[in-house]
PDB file of N, CA and C in Angstrom:
ATOM      1  N   MET A   1     -14.457  -5.859 -29.352  1.00  0.00           N
ATOM      2  CA  MET A   1     -13.294  -5.490 -29.822  1.00  0.00           C
ATOM      3  C   MET A   1     -12.672  -3.759 -29.506  1.00  0.00           C
ATOM      4  N   GLU A   2     -13.361  -3.337 -29.885  1.00  0.00           N
ATOM      5  CA  GLU A   2     -12.933  -1.907 -29.510  1.00  0.00           C
ATOM      6  C   GLU A   2     -12.173  -1.616 -28.671  1.00  0.00           C
ATOM      7  N   LYS A   3     -11.917  -2.369 -27.459  1.00  0.00           N
ATOM      8  CA  LYS A   3     -11.212  -1.624 -26.356  1.00  0.00           C
ATOM      9  C   LYS A   3      -9.438  -2.674 -26.543  1.00  0.00           C
ATOM     10  N   TYR A   4      -9.320  -3.130 -27.387  1.00  0.00           N
ATOM     11  CA  TYR A   4      -8.355  -4.353 -27.803  1.00  0.00           C
ATOM     12  C   TYR A   4      -7.531  -3.838 -29.075  1.00  0.00           C
ATOM     13  N   SER A   5      -6.154  -3.637 -29.144  1.00  0.00           N
ATOM     14  CA  SER A   5      -5.044  -3.603 -30.426  1.00  0.00           C
ATOM     15  C   SER A   5      -4.764  -5.024 -30.638  1.00  0.00           C
ATOM     16  N   VAL A   6      -5.198  -5.128 -32.169  1.00  0.00           N
ATOM     17  CA  VAL A   6      -5.229  -6.856 -32.965  1.00  0.00           C
ATOM     18  C   VAL A   6      -4.049  -6.636 -32.789  1.00  0.00           C
ATOM     19  N   ARG A   7      -2.838  -7.551 -32.265  1.00  0.00           N
ATOM     20  CA  ARG A   7      -1.422  -7.502 -33.424  1.00  0.00           C
ATOM     21  C   ARG A   7      -1.476  -8.374 -34.762  1.00  0.00           C
ATOM     22  N   ARG A   8      -1.909  -9.559 -34.266  1.00  0.00           N
ATOM     23  CA  ARG A   8      -1.748 -10.536 -35.718  1.00  0.00           C
ATOM     24  C   ARG A   8      -2.980 -11.952 -35.046  1.00  0.00           C
ATOM     25  N   ARG A   9      -3.423 -12.435 -35.934  1.00  0.00           N
ATOM     26  CA  ARG A   9      -4.375 -13.512 -35.747  1.00  0.00           C
ATOM     27  C   ARG A   9      -2.807 -14.921 -36.108  1.00  0.00           C
ATOM     28  N   ILE A  10      -3.087 -15.281 -34.971  1.00  0.00           N
ATOM     29  CA  ILE A  10      -2.472 -16.519 -34.062  1.00  0.00           C
ATOM     30  C   ILE A  10      -2.849 -17.672 -34.989  1.00  0.00           C
ATOM     31  N   GLY A  11      -4.383 -17.859 -35.138  1.00  0.00           N
ATOM     32  CA  GLY A  11      -5.034 -19.513 -35.206  1.00  0.00           C
ATOM     33  C   GLY A  11      -6.169 -18.958 -35.755  1.00  0.00           C
ATOM     34  N   ARG A  12      -6.453 -20.538 -36.484  1.00  0.00           N
ATOM     35  CA  ARG A  12      -7.610 -20.260 -36.705  1.00  0.00           C
ATOM     36  C   ARG A  12      -8.553 -21.560 -37.037  1.00  0.00           C
ATOM     37  N   GLY A  13      -9.592 -22.143 -36.587  1.00  0.00           N
ATOM     38  CA  GLY A  13     -10.397 -23.353 -36.172  1.00  0.00           C
ATOM     39  C   GLY A  13     -11.234 -22.923 -36.792  1.00  0.00           C
ATOM     40  N   THR A  14     -12.505 -24.367 -36.717  1.00  0.00           N
ATOM     41  CA  THR A  14     -13.927 -24.438 -37.284  1.00  0.00           C
ATOM     42  C   THR A  14     -15.158 -23.379 -36.391  1.00  0.00           C
ATOM     43  N   TYR A  15     -14.426 -23.218 -35.189  1.00  0.00           N
ATOM     44  CA  TYR A  15     -15.541 -21.871 -34.574  1.00  0.00           C
ATOM     45  C   TYR A  15     -14.858 -20.772 -34.961  1.00  0.00           C
ATOM     46  N   GLY A  16     -14.236 -20.445 -35.097  1.00  0.00           N
ATOM     47  CA  GLY A  16     -13.248 -18.918 -35.365  1.00  0.00           C
ATOM     48  C   GLY A  16     -12.009 -19.384 -35.465  1.00  0.00           C
ATOM     49  N   SER A  17     -11.343 -17.703 -34.825  1.00  0.00           N
ATOM     50  CA  SER A  17     -10.338 -17.431 -34.249  1.00  0.00           C
ATOM     51  C   SER A  17      -9.444 -17.094 -33.804  1.00  0.00           C
ATOM     52  N   ALA A  18      -8.171 -17.578 -32.836  1.00  0.00           N
ATOM     53  CA  ALA A  18      -7.736 -16.197 -32.091  1.00  0.00           C
ATOM     54  C   ALA A  18      -6.611 -15.654 -32.557  1.00  0.00           C
ATOM     55  N   TYR A  19      -6.874 -14.456 -31.755  1.00  0.00           N
ATOM     56  CA  TYR A  19      -5.947 -12.807 -31.944  1.00  0.00           C
ATOM     57  C   TYR A  19      -4.768 -12.763 -30.794  1.00  0.00           C
ATOM     58  N   LEU A  20      -3.480 -12.803 -31.132  1.00  0.00           N
ATOM     59  CA  LEU A  20      -2.951 -12.245 -30.081  1.00  0.00           C
ATOM     60  C   LEU A  20      -3.032 -10.425 -30.416  1.00  0.00           C
ATOM     61  N   VAL A  21      -3.400  -9.984 -29.156  1.00  0.00           N
ATOM     62  CA  VAL A  21      -3.798  -8.560 -28.296  1.00  0.00           C
ATOM     63  C   VAL A  21      -3.490  -8.128 -27.754  1.00  0.00           C
ATOM     64  N   SER A  22      -3.709  -6.776 -27.384  1.00  0.00           N
ATOM     65  CA  SER A  22      -3.098  -6.343 -26.508  1.00  0.00           C
ATOM     66  C   SER A  22      -4.540  -4.564 -25.959  1.00  0.00           C
ATOM     67  N   LEU A  23      -4.598  -4.797 -24.325  1.00  0.00           N
ATOM     68  CA  LEU A  23      -5.334  -3.449 -24.617  1.00  0.00           C
ATOM     69  C   LEU A  23      -4.596  -2.156 -24.920  1.00  0.00           C
ATOM     70  N   ARG A  24      -5.838  -1.340 -25.260  1.00  0.00           N
ATOM     71  CA  ARG A  24      -5.246   0.260 -26.261  1.00  0.00           C
ATOM     72  C   ARG A  24      -5.453   0.781 -24.871  1.00  0.00           C
ATOM     73  N   GLY A  25      -3.970   1.789 -25.284  1.00  0.00           N
ATOM     74  CA  GLY A  25      -3.918   2.519 -24.305  1.00  0.00           C
ATOM     75  C   GLY A  25      -3.809   2.302 -22.801  1.00  0.00           C
ATOM     76  N   VAL A  26      -3.332   1.014 -22.912  1.00  0.00           N
ATOM     77  CA  VAL A  26      -2.610   0.605 -21.474  1.00  0.00           C
ATOM     78  C   VAL A  26      -0.884   0.690 -21.725  1.00  0.00           C
ATOM     79  N   LEU A  27      -0.164   1.208 -21.016  1.00  0.00           N
ATOM     80  CA  LEU A  27       1.107   0.881 -21.210  1.00  0.00           C
ATOM     81  C   LEU A  27       1.324  -0.222 -20.832  1.00  0.00           C
ATOM     82  N   GLY A  28       2.963  -0.712 -21.187  1.00  0.00           N
ATOM     83  CA  GLY A  28       3.720  -2.090 -21.140  1.00  0.00           C
ATOM     84  C   GLY A  28       3.238  -3.061 -22.180  1.00  0.00           C
ATOM     85  N   LYS A  29       1.929  -2.394 -22.345  1.00  0.00           N
ATOM     86  CA  LYS A  29       1.582  -3.895 -24.050  1.00  0.00           C
ATOM     87  C   LYS A  29       1.510  -5.106 -23.529  1.00  0.00           C
ATOM     88  N   GLN A  30       0.741  -5.675 -22.339  1.00  0.00           N
ATOM     89  CA  GLN A  30       1.040  -6.927 -22.119  1.00  0.00           C
ATOM     90  C   GLN A  30      -0.328  -7.452 -22.624  1.00  0.00           C
ATOM     91  N   SER A  31       0.248  -8.679 -23.215  1.00  0.00           N
ATOM     92  CA  SER A  31       0.026  -9.527 -24.293  1.00  0.00           C
ATOM     93  C   SER A  31      -1.403 -10.292 -24.294  1.00  0.00           C
ATOM     94  N   TYR A  32      -2.348 -10.122 -24.747  1.00  0.00           N
ATOM     95  CA  TYR A  32      -3.729 -11.598 -24.762  1.00  0.00           C
ATOM     96  C   TYR A  32      -3.795 -12.267 -25.535  1.00  0.00           C
ATOM     97  N   VAL A  33      -4.692 -13.144 -25.471  1.00  0.00           N
ATOM     98  CA  VAL A  33      -5.622 -13.972 -26.595  1.00  0.00           C
ATOM     99  C   VAL A  33      -6.415 -14.075 -26.548  1.00  0.00           C
ATOM    100  N   LEU A  34      -7.320 -13.608 -27.786  1.00  0.00           N
ATOM    101  CA  LEU A  34      -8.383 -13.241 -27.893  1.00  0.00           C
ATOM    102  C   LEU A  34      -9.325 -14.399 -28.664  1.00  0.00           C
ATOM    103  N   LYS A  35     -10.158 -15.263 -27.961  1.00  0.00           N
ATOM    104  CA  LYS A  35     -10.581 -16.108 -29.317  1.00  0.00           C
ATOM    105  C   LYS A  35     -12.242 -15.741 -29.973  1.00  0.00           C
ATOM    106  N   LYS A  36     -12.224 -15.213 -31.159  1.00  0.00           N
ATOM    107  CA  LYS A  36     -13.056 -14.616 -31.600  1.00  0.00           C
ATOM    108  C   LYS A  36     -14.543 -15.984 -32.103  1.00  0.00           C
ATOM    109  N   VAL A  37     -15.421 -16.248 -31.656  1.00  0.00           N
ATOM    110  CA  VAL A  37     -16.100 -17.321 -32.038  1.00  0.00           C
ATOM    111  C   VAL A  37     -17.404 -16.828 -32.993  1.00  0.00           C
ATOM    112  N   ARG A  38     -17.275 -17.783 -33.701  1.00  0.00           N
ATOM    113  CA  ARG A  38     -18.364 -17.683 -35.200  1.00  0.00           C
ATOM    114  C   ARG A  38     -19.995 -17.852 -34.634  1.00  0.00           C
ATOM    115  N   LEU A  39     -20.907 -17.200 -34.778  1.00  0.00           N
ATOM    116  CA  LEU A  39     -22.116 -17.575 -34.669  1.00  0.00           C
ATOM    117  C   LEU A  39     -23.065 -18.432 -36.133  1.00  0.00           C
ATOM    118  N   ASP A  40     -23.829 -19.283 -35.819  1.00  0.00           N
ATOM    119  CA  ASP A  40     -23.936 -19.833 -36.891  1.00  0.00           C
ATOM    120  C   ASP A  40     -25.130 -18.764 -37.787  1.00  0.00           C
ATOM    121  N   GLU A  41     -26.061 -19.184 -38.808  1.00  0.00           N
ATOM    122  CA  GLU A  41     -26.631 -18.046 -39.685  1.00  0.00           C
ATOM    123  C   GLU A  41     -27.697 -17.586 -39.007  1.00  0.00           C
ATOM    124  N   ASN A  42     -28.474 -18.226 -37.888  1.00  0.00           N
ATOM    125  CA  ASN A  42     -29.356 -17.546 -37.069  1.00  0.00           C
ATOM    126  C   ASN A  42     -29.025 -16.520 -36.112  1.00  0.00           C
ATOM    127  N   HIS A  43     -27.421 -16.734 -35.263  1.00  0.00           N
ATOM    128  CA  HIS A  43     -26.745 -16.042 -34.735  1.00  0.00           C
ATOM    129  C   HIS A  43     -27.043 -16.768 -33.439  1.00  0.00           C
ATOM    130  N   SER A  44     -26.876 -17.572 -33.533  1.00  0.00           N
ATOM    131  CA  SER A  44     -27.664 -18.227 -31.966  1.00  0.00           C
ATOM    132  C   SER A  44     -25.912 -19.393 -32.255  1.00  0.00           C
ATOM    133  N   TYR A  45     -25.970 -20.270 -30.733  1.00  0.00           N
ATOM    134  CA  TYR A  45     -25.032 -20.706 -30.433  1.00  0.00           C
ATOM    135  C   TYR A  45     -25.755 -21.968 -30.936  1.00  0.00           C
ATOM    136  N   THR A  46     -24.522 -22.662 -31.831  1.00  0.00           N
ATOM    137  CA  THR A  46     -25.115 -24.354 -31.746  1.00  0.00           C
ATOM    138  C   THR A  46     -24.478 -25.075 -30.524  1.00  0.00           C
ATOM    139  N   ASN A  47     -24.895 -26.334 -31.180  1.00  0.00           N
ATOM    140  CA  ASN A  47     -24.314 -27.725 -29.747  1.00  0.00           C
ATOM    141  C   ASN A  47     -22.799 -27.462 -29.431  1.00  0.00           C
ATOM    142  N   SER A  48     -22.460 -27.611 -31.273  1.00  0.00           N
ATOM    143  CA  SER A  48     -20.757 -27.792 -31.098  1.00  0.00           C
ATOM    144  C   SER A  48     -20.464 -26.177 -30.822  1.00  0.00           C
ATOM    145  N   THR A  49     -20.162 -25.251 -30.908  1.00  0.00           N
ATOM    146  CA  THR A  49     -20.385 -23.886 -30.828  1.00  0.00           C
ATOM    147  C   THR A  49     -19.810 -23.746 -29.283  1.00  0.00           C
ATOM    148  N   SER A  50     -20.790 -24.301 -28.359  1.00  0.00           N
ATOM    149  CA  SER A  50     -20.798 -24.036 -26.521  1.00  0.00           C
ATOM    150  C   SER A  50     -19.848 -25.102 -26.692  1.00  0.00           C
ATOM    151  N   ALA A  51     -19.875 -26.191 -26.800  1.00  0.00           N
ATOM    152  CA  ALA A  51     -18.654 -26.954 -26.636  1.00  0.00           C
ATOM    153  C   ALA A  51     -17.388 -26.222 -26.386  1.00  0.00           C
ATOM    154  N   SER A  52     -17.075 -25.787 -27.682  1.00  0.00           N
ATOM    155  CA  SER A  52     -16.623 -24.849 -27.685  1.00  0.00           C
ATOM    156  C   SER A  52     -16.022 -23.902 -26.667  1.00  0.00           C
ATOM    157  N   LEU A  53     -17.008 -23.459 -26.716  1.00  0.00           N
ATOM    158  CA  LEU A  53     -16.849 -21.871 -25.027  1.00  0.00           C
ATOM    159  C   LEU A  53     -16.034 -22.753 -23.964  1.00  0.00           C
ATOM    160  N   GLN A  54     -17.904 -24.182 -23.917  1.00  0.00           N
ATOM    161  CA  GLN A  54     -17.429 -24.768 -22.136  1.00  0.00           C
ATOM    162  C   GLN A  54     -15.334 -25.372 -22.146  1.00  0.00           C
ATOM    163  N   SER A  55     -15.123 -25.903 -23.197  1.00  0.00           N
ATOM    164  CA  SER A  55     -13.992 -26.211 -23.297  1.00  0.00           C
ATOM    165  C   SER A  55     -12.760 -24.655 -22.614  1.00  0.00           C
ATOM    166  N   THR A  56     -12.954 -23.733 -23.992  1.00  0.00           N
ATOM    167  CA  THR A  56     -12.370 -22.588 -23.106  1.00  0.00           C
ATOM    168  C   THR A  56     -12.805 -21.865 -21.978  1.00  0.00           C
ATOM    169  N   ALA A  57     -13.589 -21.675 -20.974  1.00  0.00           N
ATOM    170  CA  ALA A  57     -13.707 -21.796 -20.352  1.00  0.00           C
ATOM    171  C   ALA A  57     -13.372 -22.632 -19.538  1.00  0.00           C
ATOM    172  N   LYS A  58     -13.199 -23.753 -19.391  1.00  0.00           N
ATOM    173  CA  LYS A  58     -12.446 -24.766 -17.744  1.00  0.00           C
ATOM    174  C   LYS A  58     -10.687 -23.690 -18.191  1.00  0.00           C
ATOM    175  N   LEU A  59     -10.449 -23.843 -18.988  1.00  0.00           N
ATOM    176  CA  LEU A  59      -8.894 -22.554 -19.018  1.00  0.00           C
ATOM    177  C   LEU A  59      -9.237 -21.693 -17.298  1.00  0.00           C
ATOM    178  N   GLY A  60     -10.443 -21.161 -17.595  1.00  0.00           N
ATOM    179  CA  GLY A  60     -10.376 -19.987 -16.068  1.00  0.00           C
ATOM    180  C   GLY A  60     -10.025 -18.850 -16.961  1.00  0.00           C
ATOM    181  N   ILE A  61     -10.090 -18.659 -18.386  1.00  0.00           N
ATOM    182  CA  ILE A  61      -9.619 -17.342 -18.777  1.00  0.00           C
ATOM    183  C   ILE A  61     -10.982 -17.045 -19.951  1.00  0.00           C
ATOM    184  N   CYS A  62     -11.259 -17.417 -19.280  1.00  0.00           N
ATOM    185  CA  CYS A  62     -12.720 -16.908 -20.629  1.00  0.00           C
ATOM    186  C   CYS A  62     -13.681 -15.870 -19.885  1.00  0.00           C
ATOM    187  N   THR A  63     -13.451 -14.865 -20.933  1.00  0.00           N
ATOM    188  CA  THR A  63     -14.201 -13.553 -20.331  1.00  0.00           C
ATOM    189  C   THR A  63     -14.760 -13.038 -21.734  1.00  0.00           C
ATOM    190  N   PRO A  64     -16.660 -12.890 -21.898  1.00  0.00           N
ATOM    191  CA  PRO A  64     -17.239 -12.524 -22.798  1.00  0.00           C
ATOM    192  C   PRO A  64     -16.699 -10.859 -23.126  1.00  0.00           C
ATOM    193  N   ILE A  65     -16.581 -10.454 -24.468  1.00  0.00           N
ATOM    194  CA  ILE A  65     -16.235  -9.217 -24.657  1.00  0.00           C
ATOM    195  C   ILE A  65     -17.988  -8.312 -25.102  1.00  0.00           C
TER     196      ILE A  65
END
């Protein structure tokens, strides 16, 4: 997340939070939504986390950080 400047949190849910961000050092300050997904205690994906990521990926905008 170091390459993004977080403007504010715009949502929070079961799997994590969504933030309004912009790229650091880029003129024009185009805004993006960044979804930060929490992992379980073992730092692994659960079935429900996987389902959340798959639904986001279907939008065609899912890019790992």
